[in-house]
Amino acid sequence: MTNEIKALAERVDTLEARLAYQDDIIESLNQTIAAQWKQIDAVTRQLAQLGERLQEAEANAPGPVNERPPHY
């Protein structure tokens, strides 16, 4: 009976160690995802601003915007 208890205790210890490792990995992944979402939001805002600037530049252009150059 003592050997069975030792074997079960070792299995529980192993499972607890694996669980702790998995908790650390999950927390690390969560932090990485949060940082990536911040970057995605910043890039999305920057893209929207650039789109607005492009529209303003096209509206204020002196000539036709999509006209082919004369060498075509």
PDB file of N, CA and C in Angstrom:
ATOM      1  N   MET A   1       0.816  -1.189   0.000  1.00  0.00           N
ATOM      2  CA  MET A   1       0.000   0.000   0.000  1.00  0.00           C
ATOM      3  C   MET A   1       0.864   1.260   0.000  1.00  0.00           C
ATOM      4  N   THR A   2       1.979   1.240   0.669  1.00  0.00           N
ATOM      5  CA  THR A   2       2.856   2.402   0.746  1.00  0.00           C
ATOM      6  C   THR A   2       3.432   2.744  -0.623  1.00  0.00           C
ATOM      7  N   ASN A   3       3.782   1.731  -1.403  1.00  0.00           N
ATOM      8  CA  ASN A   3       4.319   1.974  -2.747  1.00  0.00           C
ATOM      9  C   ASN A   3       3.265   2.622  -3.640  1.00  0.00           C
ATOM     10  N   GLU A   4       2.028   2.210  -3.483  1.00  0.00           N
ATOM     11  CA  GLU A   4       0.953   2.797  -4.282  1.00  0.00           C
ATOM     12  C   GLU A   4       0.753   4.271  -3.928  1.00  0.00           C
ATOM     13  N   ILE A   5       0.835   4.566  -2.650  1.00  0.00           N
ATOM     14  CA  ILE A   5       0.680   5.949  -2.203  1.00  0.00           C
ATOM     15  C   ILE A   5       1.833   6.800  -2.729  1.00  0.00           C
ATOM     16  N   LYS A   6       3.060   6.262  -2.687  1.00  0.00           N
ATOM     17  CA  LYS A   6       4.212   6.997  -3.214  1.00  0.00           C
ATOM     18  C   LYS A   6       4.056   7.228  -4.712  1.00  0.00           C
ATOM     19  N   ALA A   7       3.599   6.226  -5.427  1.00  0.00           N
ATOM     20  CA  ALA A   7       3.413   6.357  -6.875  1.00  0.00           C
ATOM     21  C   ALA A   7       2.354   7.416  -7.177  1.00  0.00           C
ATOM     22  N   LEU A   8       1.261   7.381  -6.422  1.00  0.00           N
ATOM     23  CA  LEU A   8       0.215   8.377  -6.625  1.00  0.00           C
ATOM     24  C   LEU A   8       0.705   9.780  -6.263  1.00  0.00           C
ATOM     25  N   ALA A   9       1.474   9.891  -5.202  1.00  0.00           N
ATOM     26  CA  ALA A   9       2.019  11.189  -4.799  1.00  0.00           C
ATOM     27  C   ALA A   9       2.951  11.734  -5.871  1.00  0.00           C
ATOM     28  N   GLU A  10       3.768  10.869  -6.476  1.00  0.00           N
ATOM     29  CA  GLU A  10       4.670  11.290  -7.552  1.00  0.00           C
ATOM     30  C   GLU A  10       3.873  11.748  -8.775  1.00  0.00           C
ATOM     31  N   ARG A  11       2.807  11.022  -9.082  1.00  0.00           N
ATOM     32  CA  ARG A  11       1.972  11.413 -10.220  1.00  0.00           C
ATOM     33  C   ARG A  11       1.311  12.766  -9.964  1.00  0.00           C
ATOM     34  N   VAL A  12       0.840  12.975  -8.754  1.00  0.00           N
ATOM     35  CA  VAL A  12       0.215  14.252  -8.406  1.00  0.00           C
ATOM     36  C   VAL A  12       1.248  15.371  -8.495  1.00  0.00           C
ATOM     37  N   ASP A  13       2.445  15.131  -7.983  1.00  0.00           N
ATOM     38  CA  ASP A  13       3.508  16.141  -8.059  1.00  0.00           C
ATOM     39  C   ASP A  13       3.832  16.480  -9.511  1.00  0.00           C
ATOM     40  N   THR A  14       3.912  15.459 -10.350  1.00  0.00           N
ATOM     41  CA  THR A  14       4.201  15.680 -11.770  1.00  0.00           C
ATOM     42  C   THR A  14       3.092  16.500 -12.420  1.00  0.00           C
ATOM     43  N   LEU A  15       1.857  16.149 -12.110  1.00  0.00           N
ATOM     44  CA  LEU A  15       0.726  16.896 -12.673  1.00  0.00           C
ATOM     45  C   LEU A  15       0.703  18.340 -12.189  1.00  0.00           C
ATOM     46  N   GLU A  16       1.021  18.551 -10.916  1.00  0.00           N
ATOM     47  CA  GLU A  16       1.059  19.913 -10.387  1.00  0.00           C
ATOM     48  C   GLU A  16       2.151  20.736 -11.059  1.00  0.00           C
ATOM     49  N   ALA A  17       3.300  20.119 -11.306  1.00  0.00           N
ATOM     50  CA  ALA A  17       4.394  20.829 -11.983  1.00  0.00           C
ATOM     51  C   ALA A  17       3.988  21.180 -13.415  1.00  0.00           C
ATOM     52  N   ARG A  18       3.360  20.241 -14.107  1.00  0.00           N
ATOM     53  CA  ARG A  18       2.906  20.507 -15.474  1.00  0.00           C
ATOM     54  C   ARG A  18       1.863  21.612 -15.497  1.00  0.00           C
ATOM     55  N   LEU A  19       0.960  21.600 -14.539  1.00  0.00           N
ATOM     56  CA  LEU A  19      -0.076  22.625 -14.465  1.00  0.00           C
ATOM     57  C   LEU A  19       0.542  24.006 -14.237  1.00  0.00           C
ATOM     58  N   ALA A  20       1.501  24.088 -13.349  1.00  0.00           N
ATOM     59  CA  ALA A  20       2.165  25.369 -13.088  1.00  0.00           C
ATOM     60  C   ALA A  20       2.875  25.867 -14.347  1.00  0.00           C
ATOM     61  N   TYR A  21       3.537  24.977 -15.057  1.00  0.00           N
ATOM     62  CA  TYR A  21       4.222  25.346 -16.302  1.00  0.00           C
ATOM     63  C   TYR A  21       3.209  25.834 -17.330  1.00  0.00           C
ATOM     64  N   GLN A  22       2.087  25.139 -17.454  1.00  0.00           N
ATOM     65  CA  GLN A  22       1.063  25.535 -18.414  1.00  0.00           C
ATOM     66  C   GLN A  22       0.455  26.879 -18.043  1.00  0.00           C
ATOM     67  N   ASP A  23       0.269  27.139 -16.771  1.00  0.00           N
ATOM     68  CA  ASP A  23      -0.249  28.439 -16.339  1.00  0.00           C
ATOM     69  C   ASP A  23       0.704  29.556 -16.742  1.00  0.00           C
ATOM     70  N   ASP A  24       2.004  29.333 -16.593  1.00  0.00           N
ATOM     71  CA  ASP A  24       2.996  30.334 -16.993  1.00  0.00           C
ATOM     72  C   ASP A  24       2.947  30.574 -18.503  1.00  0.00           C
ATOM     73  N   ILE A  25       2.846  29.510 -19.269  1.00  0.00           N
ATOM     74  CA  ILE A  25       2.783  29.624 -20.725  1.00  0.00           C
ATOM     75  C   ILE A  25       1.524  30.379 -21.141  1.00  0.00           C
ATOM     76  N   ILE A  26       0.394  30.064 -20.540  1.00  0.00           N
ATOM     77  CA  ILE A  26      -0.863  30.735 -20.880  1.00  0.00           C
ATOM     78  C   ILE A  26      -0.770  32.227 -20.566  1.00  0.00           C
ATOM     79  N   GLU A  27      -0.207  32.577 -19.443  1.00  0.00           N
ATOM     80  CA  GLU A  27      -0.059  33.992 -19.088  1.00  0.00           C
ATOM     81  C   GLU A  27       0.862  34.711 -20.075  1.00  0.00           C
ATOM     82  N   SER A  28       1.938  34.061 -20.454  1.00  0.00           N
ATOM     83  CA  SER A  28       2.861  34.639 -21.433  1.00  0.00           C
ATOM     84  C   SER A  28       2.173  34.851 -22.778  1.00  0.00           C
ATOM     85  N   LEU A  29       1.408  33.872 -23.219  1.00  0.00           N
ATOM     86  CA  LEU A  29       0.673  34.000 -24.480  1.00  0.00           C
ATOM     87  C   LEU A  29      -0.367  35.109 -24.397  1.00  0.00           C
ATOM     88  N   ASN A  30      -1.023  35.233 -23.272  1.00  0.00           N
ATOM     89  CA  ASN A  30      -2.018  36.282 -23.083  1.00  0.00           C
ATOM     90  C   ASN A  30      -1.375  37.666 -23.198  1.00  0.00           C
ATOM     91  N   GLN A  31      -0.216  37.837 -22.592  1.00  0.00           N
ATOM     92  CA  GLN A  31       0.489  39.114 -22.678  1.00  0.00           C
ATOM     93  C   GLN A  31       0.914  39.411 -24.113  1.00  0.00           C
ATOM     94  N   THR A  32       1.353  38.385 -24.826  1.00  0.00           N
ATOM     95  CA  THR A  32       1.762  38.557 -26.215  1.00  0.00           C
ATOM     96  C   THR A  32       0.574  38.977 -27.077  1.00  0.00           C
ATOM     97  N   ILE A  33      -0.566  38.335 -26.870  1.00  0.00           N
ATOM     98  CA  ILE A  33      -1.760  38.676 -27.642  1.00  0.00           C
ATOM     99  C   ILE A  33      -2.196  40.106 -27.345  1.00  0.00           C
ATOM    100  N   ALA A  34      -2.156  40.508 -26.097  1.00  0.00           N
ATOM    101  CA  ALA A  34      -2.546  41.875 -25.736  1.00  0.00           C
ATOM    102  C   ALA A  34      -1.626  42.889 -26.408  1.00  0.00           C
ATOM    103  N   ALA A  35      -0.333  42.624 -26.426  1.00  0.00           N
ATOM    104  CA  ALA A  35       0.617  43.528 -27.079  1.00  0.00           C
ATOM    105  C   ALA A  35       0.367  43.587 -28.588  1.00  0.00           C
ATOM    106  N   GLN A  36       0.057  42.453 -29.192  1.00  0.00           N
ATOM    107  CA  GLN A  36      -0.213  42.434 -30.629  1.00  0.00           C
ATOM    108  C   GLN A  36      -1.485  43.216 -30.961  1.00  0.00           C
ATOM    109  N   TRP A  37      -2.514  43.116 -30.124  1.00  0.00           N
ATOM    110  CA  TRP A  37      -3.730  43.873 -30.377  1.00  0.00           C
ATOM    111  C   TRP A  37      -3.461  45.367 -30.305  1.00  0.00           C
ATOM    112  N   LYS A  38      -2.609  45.792 -29.376  1.00  0.00           N
ATOM    113  CA  LYS A  38      -2.252  47.214 -29.299  1.00  0.00           C
ATOM    114  C   LYS A  38      -1.571  47.651 -30.590  1.00  0.00           C
ATOM    115  N   GLN A  39      -0.659  46.814 -31.105  1.00  0.00           N
ATOM    116  CA  GLN A  39       0.023  47.140 -32.359  1.00  0.00           C
ATOM    117  C   GLN A  39      -0.961  47.176 -33.521  1.00  0.00           C
ATOM    118  N   ILE A  40      -1.865  46.220 -33.568  1.00  0.00           N
ATOM    119  CA  ILE A  40      -2.856  46.190 -34.655  1.00  0.00           C
ATOM    120  C   ILE A  40      -3.730  47.440 -34.604  1.00  0.00           C
ATOM    121  N   ASP A  41      -4.150  47.836 -33.424  1.00  0.00           N
ATOM    122  CA  ASP A  41      -4.964  49.043 -33.294  1.00  0.00           C
ATOM    123  C   ASP A  41      -4.196  50.276 -33.764  1.00  0.00           C
ATOM    124  N   ALA A  42      -2.927  50.381 -33.387  1.00  0.00           N
ATOM    125  CA  ALA A  42      -2.119  51.526 -33.796  1.00  0.00           C
ATOM    126  C   ALA A  42      -1.946  51.554 -35.316  1.00  0.00           C
ATOM    127  N   VAL A  43      -1.688  50.412 -35.912  1.00  0.00           N
ATOM    128  CA  VAL A  43      -1.515  50.344 -37.366  1.00  0.00           C
ATOM    129  C   VAL A  43      -2.826  50.658 -38.073  1.00  0.00           C
ATOM    130  N   THR A  44      -3.934  50.195 -37.540  1.00  0.00           N
ATOM    131  CA  THR A  44      -5.240  50.482 -38.137  1.00  0.00           C
ATOM    132  C   THR A  44      -5.532  51.977 -38.106  1.00  0.00           C
ATOM    133  N   ARG A  45      -5.252  52.625 -36.992  1.00  0.00           N
ATOM    134  CA  ARG A  45      -5.461  54.076 -36.894  1.00  0.00           C
ATOM    135  C   ARG A  45      -4.561  54.819 -37.871  1.00  0.00           C
ATOM    136  N   GLN A  46      -3.310  54.379 -37.965  1.00  0.00           N
ATOM    137  CA  GLN A  46      -2.370  55.030 -38.880  1.00  0.00           C
ATOM    138  C   GLN A  46      -2.818  54.855 -40.333  1.00  0.00           C
ATOM    139  N   LEU A  47      -3.301  53.682 -40.680  1.00  0.00           N
ATOM    140  CA  LEU A  47      -3.793  53.425 -42.033  1.00  0.00           C
ATOM    141  C   LEU A  47      -4.984  54.319 -42.353  1.00  0.00           C
ATOM    142  N   ALA A  48      -5.877  54.486 -41.409  1.00  0.00           N
ATOM    143  CA  ALA A  48      -7.041  55.355 -41.621  1.00  0.00           C
ATOM    144  C   ALA A  48      -6.589  56.797 -41.837  1.00  0.00           C
ATOM    145  N   GLN A  49      -5.619  57.251 -41.053  1.00  0.00           N
ATOM    146  CA  GLN A  49      -5.106  58.616 -41.215  1.00  0.00           C
ATOM    147  C   GLN A  49      -4.447  58.799 -42.581  1.00  0.00           C
ATOM    148  N   LEU A  50      -3.691  57.813 -43.008  1.00  0.00           N
ATOM    149  CA  LEU A  50      -3.053  57.902 -44.318  1.00  0.00           C
ATOM    150  C   LEU A  50      -4.091  57.912 -45.437  1.00  0.00           C
ATOM    151  N   GLY A  51      -5.148  57.127 -45.289  1.00  0.00           N
ATOM    152  CA  GLY A  51      -6.229  57.137 -46.271  1.00  0.00           C
ATOM    153  C   GLY A  51      -6.878  58.504 -46.375  1.00  0.00           C
ATOM    154  N   GLU A  52      -7.116  59.128 -45.223  1.00  0.00           N
ATOM    155  CA  GLU A  52      -7.695  60.474 -45.212  1.00  0.00           C
ATOM    156  C   GLU A  52      -6.764  61.476 -45.871  1.00  0.00           C
ATOM    157  N   ARG A  53      -5.475  61.378 -45.566  1.00  0.00           N
ATOM    158  CA  ARG A  53      -4.502  62.294 -46.176  1.00  0.00           C
ATOM    159  C   ARG A  53      -4.450  62.106 -47.683  1.00  0.00           C
ATOM    160  N   LEU A  54      -4.533  60.867 -48.140  1.00  0.00           N
ATOM    161  CA  LEU A  54      -4.515  60.597 -49.575  1.00  0.00           C
ATOM    162  C   LEU A  54      -5.746  61.195 -50.248  1.00  0.00           C
ATOM    163  N   GLN A  55      -6.903  61.037 -49.632  1.00  0.00           N
ATOM    164  CA  GLN A  55      -8.118  61.621 -50.200  1.00  0.00           C
ATOM    165  C   GLN A  55      -8.031  63.136 -50.267  1.00  0.00           C
ATOM    166  N   GLU A  56      -7.479  63.752 -49.224  1.00  0.00           N
ATOM    167  CA  GLU A  56      -7.310  65.205 -49.233  1.00  0.00           C
ATOM    168  C   GLU A  56      -6.346  65.633 -50.327  1.00  0.00           C
ATOM    169  N   ALA A  57      -5.255  64.887 -50.499  1.00  0.00           N
ATOM    170  CA  ALA A  57      -4.275  65.224 -51.526  1.00  0.00           C
ATOM    171  C   ALA A  57      -4.879  65.081 -52.917  1.00  0.00           C
ATOM    172  N   GLU A  58      -5.675  64.047 -53.115  1.00  0.00           N
ATOM    173  CA  GLU A  58      -6.321  63.858 -54.418  1.00  0.00           C
ATOM    174  C   GLU A  58      -7.343  64.962 -54.680  1.00  0.00           C
ATOM    175  N   ALA A  59      -8.047  65.392 -53.648  1.00  0.00           N
ATOM    176  CA  ALA A  59      -9.058  66.440 -53.815  1.00  0.00           C
ATOM    177  C   ALA A  59      -8.399  67.778 -54.131  1.00  0.00           C
ATOM    178  N   ASN A  60      -7.213  68.001 -53.618  1.00  0.00           N
ATOM    179  CA  ASN A  60      -6.529  69.274 -53.813  1.00  0.00           C
ATOM    180  C   ASN A  60      -5.550  69.248 -54.981  1.00  0.00           C
ATOM    181  N   ALA A  61      -5.481  68.149 -55.701  1.00  0.00           N
ATOM    182  CA  ALA A  61      -4.546  68.042 -56.822  1.00  0.00           C
ATOM    183  C   ALA A  61      -4.991  68.978 -57.947  1.00  0.00           C
ATOM    184  N   PRO A  62      -4.027  69.641 -58.611  1.00  0.00           N
ATOM    185  CA  PRO A  62      -4.402  70.599 -59.652  1.00  0.00           C
ATOM    186  C   PRO A  62      -4.963  69.955 -60.915  1.00  0.00           C
ATOM    187  N   GLY A  63      -4.530  68.767 -61.267  1.00  0.00           N
ATOM    188  CA  GLY A  63      -4.987  68.143 -62.503  1.00  0.00           C
ATOM    189  C   GLY A  63      -5.682  66.832 -62.221  1.00  0.00           C
ATOM    190  N   PRO A  64      -6.030  66.099 -63.283  1.00  0.00           N
ATOM    191  CA  PRO A  64      -6.651  64.785 -63.098  1.00  0.00           C
ATOM    192  C   PRO A  64      -5.719  63.847 -62.337  1.00  0.00           C
ATOM    193  N   VAL A  65      -6.278  63.097 -61.430  1.00  0.00           N
ATOM    194  CA  VAL A  65      -5.476  62.253 -60.547  1.00  0.00           C
ATOM    195  C   VAL A  65      -5.017  60.986 -61.245  1.00  0.00           C
ATOM    196  N   ASN A  66      -5.884  60.344 -61.977  1.00  0.00           N
ATOM    197  CA  ASN A  66      -5.565  59.047 -62.562  1.00  0.00           C
ATOM    198  C   ASN A  66      -5.195  59.144 -64.044  1.00  0.00           C
ATOM    199  N   GLU A  67      -4.725  60.266 -64.468  1.00  0.00           N
ATOM    200  CA  GLU A  67      -4.354  60.436 -65.873  1.00  0.00           C
ATOM    201  C   GLU A  67      -3.021  59.764 -66.152  1.00  0.00           C
ATOM    202  N   ARG A  68      -2.940  59.081 -67.281  1.00  0.00           N
ATOM    203  CA  ARG A  68      -1.689  58.414 -67.638  1.00  0.00           C
ATOM    204  C   ARG A  68      -0.655  59.451 -68.062  1.00  0.00           C
ATOM    205  N   PRO A  69       0.590  59.185 -67.762  1.00  0.00           N
ATOM    206  CA  PRO A  69       1.647  60.099 -68.217  1.00  0.00           C
ATOM    207  C   PRO A  69       1.697  60.116 -69.749  1.00  0.00           C
ATOM    208  N   PRO A  70       2.253  61.189 -70.344  1.00  0.00           N
ATOM    209  CA  PRO A  70       2.234  61.331 -71.795  1.00  0.00           C
ATOM    210  C   PRO A  70       3.033  60.249 -72.546  1.00  0.00           C
ATOM    211  N   HIS A  71       3.970  59.584 -71.918  1.00  0.00           N
ATOM    212  CA  HIS A  71       4.783  58.613 -72.636  1.00  0.00           C
ATOM    213  C   HIS A  71       4.083  57.268 -72.817  1.00  0.00           C
ATOM    214  N   TYR A  72       2.850  57.093 -72.356  1.00  0.00           N
ATOM    215  CA  TYR A  72       2.133  55.827 -72.555  1.00  0.00           C
ATOM    216  C   TYR A  72       1.404  55.810 -73.854  1.00  0.00           C
TER     217      TYR A  72
END
